[in-house]
Amino acid sequence: MKKVTAIVRPEKLEELKEALFEKGVRGMTIYEVQGCGTQHGWKEYVRGNEVLLNMIPKVKVELVVADDAVEPLIDCVCDVAHTGEVGDGKIFVYPMDECVRIRTRERGEAAV
């Protein structure tokens, strides 16, 4: 099993959720986050003072999937989230040692 974390533009969230459900994803966790990378933010003036706003709103989507589902999932996220502009986001893949469904105590992929 792998945990896949995608950080994408907020305006891509609904389209991404639909595409992931079409690919058979059964569940996901979504967070509203802020961050910066190459995009670096922008400058604004507040009460005459220059302020650097370098934390850009993003959406973080976390999924746990079987090993063989990782590459198709990455392709799906890239296809949906791509605009070609700086700030499209990142995808991180982590090993997942265990998953336990609390209600039934199922473990592993059966619990996902």
C-alpha atoms as a PDB file:
ATOM      1  CA  MET A   1       0.000   0.000   0.000  1.00  0.00           C
ATOM      2  CA  LYS A   2       1.029   3.581  -0.609  1.00  0.00           C
ATOM      3  CA  LYS A   3      -0.150   6.926   0.682  1.00  0.00           C
ATOM      4  CA  VAL A   4      -0.432   9.462  -2.141  1.00  0.00           C
ATOM      5  CA  THR A   5      -0.574  13.146  -1.255  1.00  0.00           C
ATOM      6  CA  ALA A   6      -1.386  15.673  -3.964  1.00  0.00           C
ATOM      7  CA  ILE A   7      -1.209  19.413  -3.404  1.00  0.00           C
ATOM      8  CA  VAL A   8      -3.145  21.244  -6.121  1.00  0.00           C
ATOM      9  CA  ARG A   9      -4.873  24.507  -6.972  1.00  0.00           C
ATOM     10  CA  PRO A  10      -8.204  24.935  -5.124  1.00  0.00           C
ATOM     11  CA  GLU A  11     -10.092  25.540  -8.374  1.00  0.00           C
ATOM     12  CA  LYS A  12      -9.121  22.036  -9.558  1.00  0.00           C
ATOM     13  CA  LEU A  13     -10.620  20.225  -6.542  1.00  0.00           C
ATOM     14  CA  GLU A  14     -14.090  19.346  -7.850  1.00  0.00           C
ATOM     15  CA  GLU A  15     -12.767  18.135 -11.201  1.00  0.00           C
ATOM     16  CA  LEU A  16     -10.093  16.112  -9.405  1.00  0.00           C
ATOM     17  CA  LYS A  17     -12.584  14.474  -7.031  1.00  0.00           C
ATOM     18  CA  GLU A  18     -14.795  13.422  -9.949  1.00  0.00           C
ATOM     19  CA  ALA A  19     -11.825  11.987 -11.866  1.00  0.00           C
ATOM     20  CA  LEU A  20     -10.564  10.068  -8.821  1.00  0.00           C
ATOM     21  CA  PHE A  21     -13.989   8.537  -8.141  1.00  0.00           C
ATOM     22  CA  GLU A  22     -14.204   7.518 -11.832  1.00  0.00           C
ATOM     23  CA  LYS A  23     -10.830   5.752 -11.363  1.00  0.00           C
ATOM     24  CA  GLY A  24     -12.294   3.718  -8.502  1.00  0.00           C
ATOM     25  CA  VAL A  25     -10.878   5.621  -5.534  1.00  0.00           C
ATOM     26  CA  ARG A  26     -13.128   4.772  -2.586  1.00  0.00           C
ATOM     27  CA  GLY A  27     -12.146   7.558  -0.225  1.00  0.00           C
ATOM     28  CA  MET A  28      -9.887  10.534   0.327  1.00  0.00           C
ATOM     29  CA  THR A  29      -9.075  13.182   2.902  1.00  0.00           C
ATOM     30  CA  ILE A  30      -9.003  16.811   1.802  1.00  0.00           C
ATOM     31  CA  TYR A  31      -7.388  19.759   3.591  1.00  0.00           C
ATOM     32  CA  GLU A  32      -7.255  23.467   2.826  1.00  0.00           C
ATOM     33  CA  VAL A  33      -3.579  24.420   3.149  1.00  0.00           C
ATOM     34  CA  GLN A  34      -1.231  27.286   2.354  1.00  0.00           C
ATOM     35  CA  GLY A  35       2.298  27.170   1.084  1.00  0.00           C
ATOM     36  CA  CYS A  36       4.791  28.397  -1.443  1.00  0.00           C
ATOM     37  CA  GLY A  37       7.332  26.977  -3.801  1.00  0.00           C
ATOM     38  CA  THR A  38       8.580  28.419  -7.065  1.00  0.00           C
ATOM     39  CA  GLN A  39       5.463  30.584  -7.174  1.00  0.00           C
ATOM     40  CA  HIS A  40       6.700  32.744  -4.238  1.00  0.00           C
ATOM     41  CA  GLY A  41       3.524  34.806  -3.867  1.00  0.00           C
ATOM     42  CA  TRP A  42       3.043  38.502  -4.602  1.00  0.00           C
ATOM     43  CA  LYS A  43       3.321  41.969  -3.066  1.00  0.00           C
ATOM     44  CA  GLU A  44       0.379  44.033  -1.887  1.00  0.00           C
ATOM     45  CA  TYR A  45       0.114  47.350  -0.117  1.00  0.00           C
ATOM     46  CA  VAL A  46      -1.729  47.471   3.200  1.00  0.00           C
ATOM     47  CA  ARG A  47      -2.203  50.935   4.711  1.00  0.00           C
ATOM     48  CA  GLY A  48       0.651  52.224   2.601  1.00  0.00           C
ATOM     49  CA  ASN A  49       3.083  49.476   3.620  1.00  0.00           C
ATOM     50  CA  GLU A  50       4.396  46.858   1.211  1.00  0.00           C
ATOM     51  CA  VAL A  51       3.496  43.330   2.365  1.00  0.00           C
ATOM     52  CA  LEU A  52       4.823  40.131   0.766  1.00  0.00           C
ATOM     53  CA  LEU A  53       2.089  37.507   0.626  1.00  0.00           C
ATOM     54  CA  ASN A  54       4.008  34.304  -0.005  1.00  0.00           C
ATOM     55  CA  MET A  55       1.567  31.722   1.323  1.00  0.00           C
ATOM     56  CA  ILE A  56      -0.619  30.631  -1.575  1.00  0.00           C
ATOM     57  CA  PRO A  57      -3.937  28.806  -0.893  1.00  0.00           C
ATOM     58  CA  LYS A  58      -3.817  25.175  -2.041  1.00  0.00           C
ATOM     59  CA  VAL A  59      -5.760  21.963  -1.482  1.00  0.00           C
ATOM     60  CA  LYS A  60      -4.106  18.813  -0.125  1.00  0.00           C
ATOM     61  CA  VAL A  61      -5.694  15.499  -1.111  1.00  0.00           C
ATOM     62  CA  GLU A  62      -4.561  12.315   0.648  1.00  0.00           C
ATOM     63  CA  LEU A  63      -5.353   8.791  -0.542  1.00  0.00           C
ATOM     64  CA  VAL A  64      -4.215   5.314   0.439  1.00  0.00           C
ATOM     65  CA  VAL A  65      -4.151   2.868  -2.468  1.00  0.00           C
ATOM     66  CA  ALA A  66      -2.739  -0.487  -3.545  1.00  0.00           C
ATOM     67  CA  ASP A  67       0.781  -0.394  -4.988  1.00  0.00           C
ATOM     68  CA  ASP A  68      -0.412  -1.121  -8.519  1.00  0.00           C
ATOM     69  CA  ALA A  69      -2.851   1.823  -8.412  1.00  0.00           C
ATOM     70  CA  VAL A  70      -0.173   4.471  -7.772  1.00  0.00           C
ATOM     71  CA  GLU A  71       0.953   5.193 -11.352  1.00  0.00           C
ATOM     72  CA  PRO A  72      -2.581   5.464 -12.800  1.00  0.00           C
ATOM     73  CA  LEU A  73      -3.462   7.738  -9.881  1.00  0.00           C
ATOM     74  CA  ILE A  74      -0.437   9.973 -10.531  1.00  0.00           C
ATOM     75  CA  ASP A  75      -1.401  10.178 -14.206  1.00  0.00           C
ATOM     76  CA  CYS A  76      -4.965  11.103 -13.260  1.00  0.00           C
ATOM     77  CA  VAL A  77      -3.894  13.885 -10.895  1.00  0.00           C
ATOM     78  CA  CYS A  78      -1.391  15.272 -13.417  1.00  0.00           C
ATOM     79  CA  ASP A  79      -3.975  15.243 -16.213  1.00  0.00           C
ATOM     80  CA  VAL A  80      -6.579  17.079 -14.136  1.00  0.00           C
ATOM     81  CA  ALA A  81      -4.378  19.522 -12.194  1.00  0.00           C
ATOM     82  CA  HIS A  82      -2.074  20.586 -15.036  1.00  0.00           C
ATOM     83  CA  THR A  83      -2.372  24.180 -16.265  1.00  0.00           C
ATOM     84  CA  GLY A  84       1.224  24.595 -17.414  1.00  0.00           C
ATOM     85  CA  GLU A  85       1.744  27.516 -15.062  1.00  0.00           C
ATOM     86  CA  VAL A  86       3.958  27.741 -11.979  1.00  0.00           C
ATOM     87  CA  GLY A  87       1.957  26.589  -8.946  1.00  0.00           C
ATOM     88  CA  ASP A  88       0.209  23.542 -10.413  1.00  0.00           C
ATOM     89  CA  GLY A  89       1.291  21.555  -7.340  1.00  0.00           C
ATOM     90  CA  LYS A  90       3.156  18.441  -6.294  1.00  0.00           C
ATOM     91  CA  ILE A  91       2.479  14.755  -5.677  1.00  0.00           C
ATOM     92  CA  PHE A  92       4.212  12.824  -2.891  1.00  0.00           C
ATOM     93  CA  VAL A  93       4.144   9.023  -2.527  1.00  0.00           C
ATOM     94  CA  TYR A  94       4.913   7.361   0.817  1.00  0.00           C
ATOM     95  CA  PRO A  95       5.079   3.708   1.878  1.00  0.00           C
ATOM     96  CA  MET A  96       2.090   2.727   4.029  1.00  0.00           C
ATOM     97  CA  ASP A  97       2.903   0.014   6.554  1.00  0.00           C
ATOM     98  CA  GLU A  98      -0.562  -0.664   7.900  1.00  0.00           C
ATOM     99  CA  CYS A  99      -4.172   0.406   7.755  1.00  0.00           C
ATOM    100  CA  VAL A 100      -6.852  -0.656  10.234  1.00  0.00           C
ATOM    101  CA  ARG A 101     -10.588  -0.105   9.846  1.00  0.00           C
ATOM    102  CA  ILE A 102     -11.702   0.692  13.380  1.00  0.00           C
ATOM    103  CA  ARG A 103     -15.274  -0.585  12.993  1.00  0.00           C
ATOM    104  CA  THR A 104     -14.354  -4.104  11.822  1.00  0.00           C
ATOM    105  CA  ARG A 105     -10.659  -4.298  12.709  1.00  0.00           C
ATOM    106  CA  GLU A 106      -9.881  -5.294   9.106  1.00  0.00           C
ATOM    107  CA  ARG A 107      -6.254  -4.702   8.182  1.00  0.00           C
ATOM    108  CA  GLY A 108      -4.244  -3.905   5.091  1.00  0.00           C
ATOM    109  CA  GLU A 109      -5.856  -3.250   1.713  1.00  0.00           C
ATOM    110  CA  ALA A 110      -9.173  -4.659   2.936  1.00  0.00           C
ATOM    111  CA  ALA A 111      -9.344  -1.775   5.408  1.00  0.00           C
ATOM    112  CA  VAL A 112      -8.837   0.867   2.740  1.00  0.00           C
END
